């Protein structure tokens, strides 16, 4: 294969893998019935005027399936962390004993589970669209190389077959993430 085709396929694969990774992070941030620190990964706290990820301001300890202790590194940020938690879409009411913030996750209602499944599906679909956009862009690069005579027809069709295999692999990975998240959400 020519350098142009090789580079386009490598770049396409990297971008597809990134889309799968973003989907994995998005799925992890969707709340399930179980408490885990990644639920707070997208939460920003107003820390002295700057929006700061909660992970940078506190440590997390999961006590049991529904309880999380959040230990702020700076006690001065405790009220802002509590405020961010209360205003988040997690549906939690944090309690503060002066040293740690305790969160007891409420049980998920059937309706809330369905909402989270819809959210997970839309995140999965966004990731698949992203993978397909990468495929289209990479295919355009290969088609242009064939048209310009940089590579032959055979090499172009070989590259397209490889591109289709890459696309299928990454879309299947997203489907697997989605299937696991749905099973996790339906688990009572």
N, C-alpha and C. Protein backbone atom coordinates (compact mmCIF):
# COMPACT_ATOMS: atom_id res chain seq x y z
N UNK A 1 0.83 -1.19 0.00
CA UNK A 1 0.00 0.00 0.00
C UNK A 1 0.87 1.24 0.00
N UNK A 2 0.36 2.30 -0.61
CA UNK A 2 1.13 3.54 -0.67
C UNK A 2 1.11 4.22 0.70
N UNK A 3 2.03 5.16 0.85
CA UNK A 3 2.12 5.89 2.12
C UNK A 3 0.85 6.67 2.39
N UNK A 4 0.27 7.27 1.35
CA UNK A 4 -0.95 8.07 1.51
C UNK A 4 -2.08 7.21 2.07
N UNK A 5 -2.29 6.05 1.47
CA UNK A 5 -3.36 5.15 1.90
C UNK A 5 -3.09 4.64 3.30
N UNK A 6 -1.86 4.23 3.53
CA UNK A 6 -1.46 3.71 4.84
C UNK A 6 -1.72 4.75 5.93
N UNK A 7 -1.29 5.99 5.67
CA UNK A 7 -1.47 7.07 6.65
C UNK A 7 -2.95 7.37 6.88
N UNK A 8 -3.73 7.39 5.80
CA UNK A 8 -5.17 7.67 5.92
C UNK A 8 -5.85 6.60 6.77
N UNK A 9 -5.50 5.33 6.53
CA UNK A 9 -6.10 4.24 7.30
C UNK A 9 -5.67 4.30 8.77
N UNK A 10 -4.40 4.58 9.02
CA UNK A 10 -3.92 4.68 10.41
C UNK A 10 -4.60 5.83 11.14
N UNK A 11 -4.69 6.95 10.47
CA UNK A 11 -5.33 8.12 11.07
C UNK A 11 -6.82 7.83 11.33
N UNK A 12 -7.45 7.17 10.36
CA UNK A 12 -8.86 6.80 10.52
C UNK A 12 -9.06 5.86 11.70
N UNK A 13 -8.18 4.88 11.84
CA UNK A 13 -8.30 3.93 12.95
C UNK A 13 -8.12 4.64 14.29
N UNK A 14 -7.15 5.56 14.36
CA UNK A 14 -6.93 6.31 15.60
C UNK A 14 -8.16 7.11 15.99
N UNK A 15 -8.76 7.78 15.01
CA UNK A 15 -9.93 8.61 15.29
C UNK A 15 -11.13 7.74 15.69
N UNK A 16 -11.27 6.57 15.06
CA UNK A 16 -12.36 5.65 15.43
C UNK A 16 -12.17 5.15 16.86
N UNK A 17 -10.92 4.81 17.20
CA UNK A 17 -10.63 4.34 18.56
C UNK A 17 -10.93 5.44 19.57
N UNK A 18 -10.65 6.67 19.21
CA UNK A 18 -10.95 7.81 20.10
C UNK A 18 -12.46 7.93 20.30
N UNK A 19 -13.24 7.74 19.23
CA UNK A 19 -14.70 7.81 19.34
C UNK A 19 -15.22 6.73 20.28
N UNK A 20 -14.65 5.54 20.21
CA UNK A 20 -15.05 4.45 21.11
C UNK A 20 -14.68 4.81 22.55
N UNK A 21 -13.51 5.41 22.74
CA UNK A 21 -13.08 5.80 24.09
C UNK A 21 -14.00 6.87 24.68
N UNK A 22 -14.39 7.83 23.85
CA UNK A 22 -15.32 8.87 24.31
C UNK A 22 -16.65 8.23 24.69
N UNK A 23 -17.12 7.27 23.89
CA UNK A 23 -18.36 6.56 24.21
C UNK A 23 -18.22 5.82 25.53
N UNK A 24 -17.08 5.19 25.76
CA UNK A 24 -16.84 4.46 27.01
C UNK A 24 -16.92 5.42 28.20
N UNK A 25 -16.29 6.60 28.08
CA UNK A 25 -16.33 7.59 29.15
C UNK A 25 -17.74 8.11 29.38
N UNK A 26 -18.47 8.36 28.27
CA UNK A 26 -19.84 8.84 28.39
C UNK A 26 -20.72 7.80 29.09
N UNK A 27 -20.55 6.53 28.72
CA UNK A 27 -21.35 5.46 29.33
C UNK A 27 -21.03 5.35 30.83
N UNK A 28 -19.76 5.51 31.18
CA UNK A 28 -19.36 5.40 32.59
C UNK A 28 -19.96 6.52 33.42
N UNK A 29 -20.18 7.68 32.81
CA UNK A 29 -20.71 8.80 33.58
C UNK A 29 -22.23 8.72 33.77
N UNK A 30 -22.89 7.79 33.06
CA UNK A 30 -24.33 7.61 33.23
C UNK A 30 -24.56 6.80 34.50
N UNK A 31 -25.39 7.31 35.35
CA UNK A 31 -25.61 6.71 36.66
C UNK A 31 -26.36 5.38 36.55
N UNK A 32 -25.95 4.43 37.33
CA UNK A 32 -26.70 3.18 37.44
C UNK A 32 -27.13 3.06 38.90
N UNK A 33 -27.66 1.94 39.28
CA UNK A 33 -28.10 1.76 40.66
C UNK A 33 -26.94 1.69 41.64
N UNK A 34 -25.75 1.46 41.13
CA UNK A 34 -24.55 1.30 41.96
C UNK A 34 -23.72 2.57 41.97
N UNK A 35 -23.14 2.88 43.10
CA UNK A 35 -22.28 4.07 43.21
C UNK A 35 -20.88 3.76 42.69
N UNK A 36 -20.31 4.66 41.92
CA UNK A 36 -18.92 4.54 41.48
C UNK A 36 -18.38 5.92 41.15
N UNK A 37 -17.08 6.15 41.38
CA UNK A 37 -16.49 7.49 41.19
C UNK A 37 -16.63 8.06 39.78
N UNK A 38 -16.71 7.23 38.74
CA UNK A 38 -16.78 7.77 37.38
C UNK A 38 -18.10 8.50 37.12
N UNK A 39 -19.09 8.34 38.02
CA UNK A 39 -20.35 9.08 37.88
C UNK A 39 -20.10 10.58 37.95
N UNK A 40 -19.03 10.97 38.63
CA UNK A 40 -18.74 12.38 38.86
C UNK A 40 -17.74 12.94 37.84
N UNK A 41 -17.36 12.13 36.84
CA UNK A 41 -16.29 12.54 35.92
C UNK A 41 -16.63 13.78 35.10
N UNK A 42 -17.88 14.02 34.81
CA UNK A 42 -18.25 15.18 33.99
C UNK A 42 -18.67 16.39 34.83
N UNK A 43 -18.59 16.27 36.14
CA UNK A 43 -19.07 17.32 37.04
C UNK A 43 -18.00 18.40 37.23
N UNK A 44 -18.40 19.65 36.98
CA UNK A 44 -17.50 20.78 37.17
C UNK A 44 -17.93 21.57 38.40
N UNK A 45 -16.96 22.02 39.18
CA UNK A 45 -17.20 22.79 40.39
C UNK A 45 -16.60 24.17 40.19
N UNK A 46 -17.32 25.21 40.64
CA UNK A 46 -16.80 26.58 40.56
C UNK A 46 -15.78 26.74 41.68
N UNK A 47 -14.51 26.56 41.35
CA UNK A 47 -13.43 26.60 42.35
C UNK A 47 -12.70 27.93 42.21
N UNK A 48 -12.98 28.86 43.11
CA UNK A 48 -12.42 30.20 43.07
C UNK A 48 -12.58 30.84 41.70
N UNK A 49 -13.78 30.73 41.16
CA UNK A 49 -14.10 31.38 39.89
C UNK A 49 -13.77 30.59 38.64
N UNK A 50 -13.11 29.46 38.78
CA UNK A 50 -12.75 28.66 37.60
C UNK A 50 -13.49 27.32 37.63
N UNK A 51 -14.18 26.95 36.54
CA UNK A 51 -14.84 25.64 36.51
C UNK A 51 -13.77 24.54 36.52
N UNK A 52 -13.79 23.71 37.56
CA UNK A 52 -12.76 22.70 37.76
C UNK A 52 -13.40 21.32 37.89
N UNK A 53 -12.86 20.30 37.22
CA UNK A 53 -13.41 18.94 37.39
C UNK A 53 -13.34 18.49 38.85
N UNK A 54 -14.42 17.88 39.31
CA UNK A 54 -14.50 17.45 40.70
C UNK A 54 -13.36 16.49 41.07
N UNK A 55 -12.91 15.65 40.12
CA UNK A 55 -11.82 14.70 40.38
C UNK A 55 -10.54 15.41 40.83
N UNK A 56 -10.36 16.67 40.41
CA UNK A 56 -9.15 17.40 40.78
C UNK A 56 -9.27 18.04 42.16
N UNK A 57 -10.47 18.04 42.72
CA UNK A 57 -10.70 18.73 43.99
C UNK A 57 -10.92 17.80 45.18
N UNK A 58 -11.12 16.51 44.91
CA UNK A 58 -11.48 15.61 46.01
C UNK A 58 -11.11 14.18 45.68
N UNK A 59 -11.05 13.37 46.75
CA UNK A 59 -10.87 11.92 46.55
C UNK A 59 -12.22 11.26 46.83
N UNK A 60 -12.41 10.09 46.25
CA UNK A 60 -13.68 9.38 46.37
C UNK A 60 -13.46 8.04 47.03
N UNK A 61 -14.41 7.66 47.86
CA UNK A 61 -14.37 6.34 48.48
C UNK A 61 -15.79 5.78 48.43
N UNK A 62 -15.93 4.63 47.77
CA UNK A 62 -17.23 3.98 47.70
C UNK A 62 -17.33 3.06 48.91
N UNK A 63 -18.28 3.39 49.80
CA UNK A 63 -18.43 2.61 51.03
C UNK A 63 -19.21 1.33 50.79
N UNK A 64 -20.33 1.45 50.09
CA UNK A 64 -21.13 0.28 49.74
C UNK A 64 -21.78 0.57 48.39
N UNK A 65 -22.71 -0.26 47.97
CA UNK A 65 -23.28 -0.13 46.63
C UNK A 65 -23.95 1.22 46.37
N UNK A 66 -24.39 1.89 47.44
CA UNK A 66 -25.13 3.14 47.22
C UNK A 66 -24.55 4.35 47.94
N UNK A 67 -23.42 4.21 48.61
CA UNK A 67 -22.85 5.33 49.38
C UNK A 67 -21.45 5.69 48.89
N UNK A 68 -21.25 6.99 48.67
CA UNK A 68 -19.94 7.51 48.25
C UNK A 68 -19.52 8.60 49.23
N UNK A 69 -18.29 8.53 49.68
CA UNK A 69 -17.72 9.59 50.51
C UNK A 69 -16.79 10.41 49.62
N UNK A 70 -16.96 11.72 49.66
CA UNK A 70 -16.12 12.62 48.87
C UNK A 70 -15.31 13.46 49.87
N UNK A 71 -14.00 13.33 49.81
CA UNK A 71 -13.09 14.04 50.72
C UNK A 71 -12.42 15.16 49.94
N UNK A 72 -12.87 16.42 50.13
CA UNK A 72 -12.23 17.54 49.42
C UNK A 72 -10.80 17.73 49.89
N UNK A 73 -9.90 18.06 48.96
CA UNK A 73 -8.51 18.34 49.31
C UNK A 73 -8.43 19.69 50.04
N UNK A 74 -9.34 20.61 49.65
CA UNK A 74 -9.39 21.94 50.25
C UNK A 74 -10.78 22.10 50.88
N UNK A 75 -10.82 22.20 52.21
CA UNK A 75 -12.12 22.29 52.89
C UNK A 75 -12.90 23.54 52.48
N UNK A 76 -12.20 24.56 52.02
CA UNK A 76 -12.86 25.79 51.57
C UNK A 76 -13.74 25.57 50.36
N UNK A 77 -13.48 24.50 49.64
CA UNK A 77 -14.26 24.22 48.43
C UNK A 77 -15.49 23.36 48.72
N UNK A 78 -15.67 22.96 49.98
CA UNK A 78 -16.73 22.01 50.32
C UNK A 78 -18.12 22.51 49.92
N UNK A 79 -18.43 23.77 50.21
CA UNK A 79 -19.77 24.27 49.89
C UNK A 79 -20.00 24.32 48.38
N UNK A 80 -18.96 24.68 47.62
CA UNK A 80 -19.10 24.72 46.15
C UNK A 80 -19.26 23.31 45.59
N UNK A 81 -18.55 22.33 46.17
CA UNK A 81 -18.69 20.94 45.72
C UNK A 81 -20.11 20.46 46.01
N UNK A 82 -20.61 20.76 47.21
CA UNK A 82 -21.98 20.37 47.56
C UNK A 82 -22.98 20.99 46.60
N UNK A 83 -22.78 22.27 46.30
CA UNK A 83 -23.69 22.97 45.39
C UNK A 83 -23.68 22.31 44.01
N UNK A 84 -22.49 21.99 43.50
CA UNK A 84 -22.39 21.35 42.18
C UNK A 84 -23.07 19.99 42.18
N UNK A 85 -22.91 19.23 43.27
CA UNK A 85 -23.56 17.91 43.37
C UNK A 85 -25.08 18.06 43.40
N UNK A 86 -25.56 19.02 44.18
CA UNK A 86 -27.01 19.22 44.31
C UNK A 86 -27.63 19.63 42.98
N UNK A 87 -26.90 20.46 42.21
CA UNK A 87 -27.44 20.98 40.93
C UNK A 87 -27.20 20.03 39.76
N UNK A 88 -26.46 18.95 39.99
CA UNK A 88 -26.16 18.02 38.89
C UNK A 88 -27.40 17.20 38.54
N UNK A 89 -27.29 16.46 37.46
CA UNK A 89 -28.43 15.61 37.05
C UNK A 89 -28.37 14.22 37.70
N UNK A 90 -27.57 14.08 38.75
CA UNK A 90 -27.44 12.78 39.43
C UNK A 90 -28.62 12.51 40.36
N UNK A 91 -29.34 13.55 40.74
CA UNK A 91 -30.49 13.37 41.62
C UNK A 91 -30.07 12.98 43.04
N UNK A 92 -28.99 13.59 43.54
CA UNK A 92 -28.50 13.25 44.89
C UNK A 92 -28.62 14.46 45.80
N UNK A 93 -28.68 14.17 47.10
CA UNK A 93 -28.71 15.20 48.11
C UNK A 93 -27.52 14.98 49.04
N UNK A 94 -26.42 15.72 48.84
CA UNK A 94 -25.21 15.49 49.62
C UNK A 94 -25.37 15.93 51.08
N UNK A 95 -24.74 15.18 51.97
CA UNK A 95 -24.69 15.53 53.39
C UNK A 95 -23.24 15.82 53.76
N UNK A 96 -23.03 16.80 54.65
CA UNK A 96 -21.68 17.27 54.94
C UNK A 96 -21.46 17.23 56.46
N UNK A 97 -20.40 16.56 56.91
CA UNK A 97 -20.11 16.51 58.35
C UNK A 97 -18.93 17.41 58.72
N UNK A 98 -18.51 18.28 57.80
CA UNK A 98 -17.39 19.17 58.07
C UNK A 98 -16.08 18.65 57.50
N UNK A 99 -15.95 17.33 57.37
CA UNK A 99 -14.73 16.73 56.81
C UNK A 99 -14.97 16.10 55.46
N UNK A 100 -16.07 15.36 55.35
CA UNK A 100 -16.38 14.66 54.10
C UNK A 100 -17.82 14.95 53.70
N UNK A 101 -18.07 14.77 52.42
CA UNK A 101 -19.42 14.88 51.89
C UNK A 101 -19.90 13.46 51.63
N UNK A 102 -21.04 13.12 52.21
CA UNK A 102 -21.59 11.78 52.06
C UNK A 102 -22.76 11.85 51.08
N UNK A 103 -22.73 10.94 50.11
CA UNK A 103 -23.83 10.86 49.15
C UNK A 103 -24.41 9.46 49.21
N UNK A 104 -25.71 9.39 49.46
CA UNK A 104 -26.41 8.11 49.40
C UNK A 104 -27.26 8.17 48.13
N UNK A 105 -26.96 7.26 47.22
CA UNK A 105 -27.65 7.25 45.93
C UNK A 105 -29.07 6.71 46.13
N UNK A 106 -30.07 7.47 45.67
CA UNK A 106 -31.44 6.94 45.76
C UNK A 106 -31.63 5.79 44.78
N UNK A 107 -32.57 4.91 45.10
CA UNK A 107 -32.88 3.82 44.17
C UNK A 107 -33.40 4.42 42.87
N UNK A 108 -33.06 3.80 41.76
CA UNK A 108 -33.54 4.28 40.47
C UNK A 108 -34.97 3.79 40.26
N UNK A 109 -35.84 4.70 39.84
CA UNK A 109 -37.19 4.29 39.49
C UNK A 109 -37.15 3.69 38.09
N UNK A 110 -38.21 2.98 37.73
CA UNK A 110 -38.29 2.37 36.40
C UNK A 110 -38.21 3.45 35.31
N UNK A 111 -38.89 4.56 35.56
CA UNK A 111 -38.90 5.65 34.58
C UNK A 111 -37.49 6.25 34.41
N UNK A 112 -36.79 6.42 35.53
CA UNK A 112 -35.43 6.98 35.49
C UNK A 112 -34.49 6.01 34.76
N UNK A 113 -34.67 4.73 34.98
CA UNK A 113 -33.85 3.73 34.26
C UNK A 113 -34.06 3.86 32.76
N UNK A 114 -35.33 3.99 32.35
CA UNK A 114 -35.63 4.13 30.92
C UNK A 114 -34.99 5.40 30.35
N UNK A 115 -35.04 6.49 31.15
CA UNK A 115 -34.41 7.74 30.70
C UNK A 115 -32.91 7.55 30.50
N UNK A 116 -32.28 6.85 31.45
CA UNK A 116 -30.83 6.61 31.34
C UNK A 116 -30.50 5.70 30.15
N UNK A 117 -31.38 4.73 29.88
CA UNK A 117 -31.15 3.87 28.71
C UNK A 117 -31.25 4.69 27.43
N UNK A 118 -32.23 5.59 27.36
CA UNK A 118 -32.35 6.48 26.19
C UNK A 118 -31.09 7.33 26.04
N UNK A 119 -30.61 7.85 27.17
CA UNK A 119 -29.39 8.67 27.14
C UNK A 119 -28.20 7.84 26.65
N UNK A 120 -28.08 6.62 27.16
CA UNK A 120 -26.99 5.74 26.74
C UNK A 120 -27.08 5.45 25.24
N UNK A 121 -28.29 5.20 24.75
CA UNK A 121 -28.47 4.92 23.32
C UNK A 121 -28.09 6.12 22.47
N UNK A 122 -28.47 7.32 22.93
CA UNK A 122 -28.14 8.51 22.14
C UNK A 122 -26.62 8.74 22.14
N UNK A 123 -25.96 8.49 23.28
CA UNK A 123 -24.49 8.62 23.33
C UNK A 123 -23.85 7.59 22.39
N UNK A 124 -24.39 6.38 22.38
CA UNK A 124 -23.89 5.34 21.49
C UNK A 124 -24.06 5.72 20.03
N UNK A 125 -25.22 6.28 19.71
CA UNK A 125 -25.49 6.69 18.33
C UNK A 125 -24.56 7.83 17.91
N UNK A 126 -24.30 8.77 18.83
CA UNK A 126 -23.36 9.86 18.53
C UNK A 126 -21.98 9.29 18.20
N UNK A 127 -21.56 8.30 18.97
CA UNK A 127 -20.24 7.70 18.74
C UNK A 127 -20.21 6.98 17.38
N UNK A 128 -21.30 6.27 17.05
CA UNK A 128 -21.35 5.58 15.76
C UNK A 128 -21.31 6.57 14.61
N UNK A 129 -22.02 7.69 14.74
CA UNK A 129 -22.01 8.73 13.71
C UNK A 129 -20.59 9.26 13.54
N UNK A 130 -19.92 9.44 14.65
CA UNK A 130 -18.53 9.92 14.61
C UNK A 130 -17.64 8.93 13.86
N UNK A 131 -17.80 7.63 14.15
CA UNK A 131 -17.02 6.60 13.45
C UNK A 131 -17.33 6.62 11.95
N UNK A 132 -18.62 6.75 11.62
CA UNK A 132 -19.01 6.77 10.19
C UNK A 132 -18.45 8.01 9.48
N UNK A 133 -18.41 9.14 10.19
CA UNK A 133 -17.82 10.35 9.59
C UNK A 133 -16.34 10.15 9.31
N UNK A 134 -15.64 9.49 10.22
CA UNK A 134 -14.22 9.19 10.00
C UNK A 134 -14.08 8.28 8.79
N UNK A 135 -14.97 7.28 8.70
CA UNK A 135 -14.91 6.36 7.55
C UNK A 135 -15.10 7.14 6.24
N UNK A 136 -16.09 8.03 6.21
CA UNK A 136 -16.37 8.79 4.99
C UNK A 136 -15.17 9.65 4.61
N UNK A 137 -14.57 10.32 5.60
CA UNK A 137 -13.41 11.17 5.33
C UNK A 137 -12.23 10.34 4.80
N UNK A 138 -11.98 9.19 5.42
CA UNK A 138 -10.87 8.33 5.00
C UNK A 138 -11.13 7.78 3.60
N UNK A 139 -12.38 7.40 3.33
CA UNK A 139 -12.73 6.89 1.99
C UNK A 139 -12.51 7.97 0.93
N UNK A 140 -12.85 9.22 1.28
CA UNK A 140 -12.61 10.33 0.34
C UNK A 140 -11.13 10.47 0.01
N UNK A 141 -10.27 10.31 1.02
CA UNK A 141 -8.82 10.40 0.81
C UNK A 141 -8.36 9.28 -0.13
N UNK A 142 -8.85 8.05 0.10
CA UNK A 142 -8.48 6.90 -0.74
C UNK A 142 -9.00 7.11 -2.17
N UNK A 143 -10.27 7.55 -2.30
CA UNK A 143 -10.84 7.78 -3.63
C UNK A 143 -10.06 8.84 -4.40
N UNK A 144 -9.65 9.89 -3.69
CA UNK A 144 -8.88 10.95 -4.33
C UNK A 144 -7.52 10.41 -4.81
N UNK A 145 -6.90 9.56 -4.00
CA UNK A 145 -5.60 8.98 -4.38
C UNK A 145 -5.76 8.12 -5.63
N UNK A 146 -6.86 7.37 -5.73
CA UNK A 146 -7.11 6.54 -6.92
C UNK A 146 -7.34 7.45 -8.13
N UNK A 147 -8.17 8.49 -7.95
CA UNK A 147 -8.50 9.40 -9.04
C UNK A 147 -7.26 10.13 -9.56
N UNK A 148 -6.39 10.54 -8.62
CA UNK A 148 -5.18 11.26 -9.01
C UNK A 148 -4.11 10.33 -9.58
N UNK A 149 -4.34 9.03 -9.49
CA UNK A 149 -3.37 8.08 -10.03
C UNK A 149 -2.23 7.76 -9.09
N UNK A 150 -2.35 8.19 -7.83
CA UNK A 150 -1.30 7.90 -6.84
C UNK A 150 -1.27 6.41 -6.51
N UNK A 151 -2.45 5.80 -6.51
CA UNK A 151 -2.54 4.35 -6.25
C UNK A 151 -3.45 3.73 -7.30
N UNK A 152 -3.33 2.43 -7.49
CA UNK A 152 -4.15 1.74 -8.48
C UNK A 152 -5.52 1.39 -7.92
N UNK A 153 -6.40 0.96 -8.84
CA UNK A 153 -7.77 0.57 -8.46
C UNK A 153 -7.76 -0.58 -7.44
N UNK A 154 -6.88 -1.58 -7.68
CA UNK A 154 -6.82 -2.74 -6.78
C UNK A 154 -6.46 -2.31 -5.36
N UNK A 155 -5.44 -1.46 -5.27
CA UNK A 155 -5.02 -1.00 -3.95
C UNK A 155 -6.12 -0.17 -3.29
N UNK A 156 -6.83 0.62 -4.09
CA UNK A 156 -7.94 1.42 -3.58
C UNK A 156 -9.04 0.55 -3.01
N UNK A 157 -9.39 -0.52 -3.75
CA UNK A 157 -10.46 -1.40 -3.24
C UNK A 157 -9.99 -2.20 -2.02
N UNK A 158 -8.71 -2.56 -1.99
CA UNK A 158 -8.14 -3.24 -0.81
C UNK A 158 -8.23 -2.32 0.41
N UNK A 159 -7.87 -1.06 0.21
CA UNK A 159 -7.91 -0.08 1.30
C UNK A 159 -9.35 0.11 1.78
N UNK A 160 -10.30 0.14 0.85
CA UNK A 160 -11.71 0.30 1.23
C UNK A 160 -12.21 -0.89 2.03
N UNK A 161 -11.78 -2.11 1.64
CA UNK A 161 -12.18 -3.30 2.39
C UNK A 161 -11.62 -3.24 3.81
N UNK A 162 -10.37 -2.80 3.93
CA UNK A 162 -9.74 -2.67 5.24
C UNK A 162 -10.48 -1.61 6.08
N UNK A 163 -10.87 -0.52 5.41
CA UNK A 163 -11.61 0.55 6.08
C UNK A 163 -12.96 0.06 6.59
N UNK A 164 -13.64 -0.74 5.78
CA UNK A 164 -14.95 -1.30 6.19
C UNK A 164 -14.77 -2.21 7.40
N UNK A 165 -13.70 -3.01 7.40
CA UNK A 165 -13.44 -3.91 8.53
C UNK A 165 -13.17 -3.11 9.81
N UNK A 166 -12.39 -2.03 9.68
CA UNK A 166 -12.12 -1.16 10.82
C UNK A 166 -13.41 -0.54 11.36
N UNK A 167 -14.23 -0.06 10.43
CA UNK A 167 -15.49 0.58 10.83
C UNK A 167 -16.38 -0.41 11.57
N UNK A 168 -16.50 -1.62 11.03
CA UNK A 168 -17.34 -2.64 11.66
C UNK A 168 -16.81 -2.97 13.06
N UNK A 169 -15.49 -3.11 13.19
CA UNK A 169 -14.89 -3.43 14.48
C UNK A 169 -15.23 -2.37 15.53
N UNK A 170 -15.13 -1.10 15.15
CA UNK A 170 -15.37 -0.02 16.10
C UNK A 170 -16.86 0.16 16.40
N UNK A 171 -17.71 0.00 15.40
CA UNK A 171 -19.16 0.09 15.65
C UNK A 171 -19.60 -1.07 16.55
N UNK A 172 -19.04 -2.26 16.34
CA UNK A 172 -19.35 -3.40 17.20
C UNK A 172 -18.91 -3.15 18.64
N UNK A 173 -17.76 -2.49 18.81
CA UNK A 173 -17.28 -2.17 20.16
C UNK A 173 -18.25 -1.21 20.86
N UNK A 174 -18.77 -0.25 20.11
CA UNK A 174 -19.75 0.70 20.68
C UNK A 174 -21.03 -0.04 21.05
N UNK A 175 -21.49 -0.94 20.16
CA UNK A 175 -22.69 -1.74 20.45
C UNK A 175 -22.50 -2.57 21.71
N UNK A 176 -21.32 -3.12 21.89
CA UNK A 176 -21.03 -3.93 23.08
C UNK A 176 -21.07 -3.07 24.34
N UNK A 177 -20.49 -1.88 24.29
CA UNK A 177 -20.55 -0.94 25.41
C UNK A 177 -22.00 -0.64 25.78
N UNK A 178 -22.80 -0.37 24.75
CA UNK A 178 -24.20 -0.03 24.95
C UNK A 178 -24.96 -1.20 25.56
N UNK A 179 -24.71 -2.39 25.05
CA UNK A 179 -25.39 -3.59 25.57
C UNK A 179 -25.06 -3.79 27.05
N UNK A 180 -23.79 -3.63 27.41
CA UNK A 180 -23.38 -3.78 28.81
C UNK A 180 -24.01 -2.72 29.70
N UNK A 181 -24.08 -1.49 29.20
CA UNK A 181 -24.66 -0.40 30.00
C UNK A 181 -26.16 -0.64 30.21
N UNK A 182 -26.85 -1.09 29.16
CA UNK A 182 -28.28 -1.37 29.30
C UNK A 182 -28.51 -2.48 30.31
N UNK A 183 -27.70 -3.53 30.26
CA UNK A 183 -27.84 -4.64 31.22
C UNK A 183 -27.61 -4.12 32.63
N UNK A 184 -26.62 -3.26 32.80
CA UNK A 184 -26.29 -2.68 34.11
C UNK A 184 -27.46 -1.83 34.62
N UNK A 185 -28.08 -1.07 33.71
CA UNK A 185 -29.20 -0.20 34.11
C UNK A 185 -30.46 -1.00 34.46
N UNK A 186 -30.65 -2.12 33.78
CA UNK A 186 -31.86 -2.92 34.03
C UNK A 186 -31.73 -3.79 35.26
N UNK A 187 -30.49 -3.99 35.72
CA UNK A 187 -30.24 -4.80 36.90
C UNK A 187 -30.79 -4.07 38.13
N UNK A 188 -31.64 -4.77 38.89
CA UNK A 188 -32.25 -4.11 40.06
C UNK A 188 -31.59 -4.57 41.32
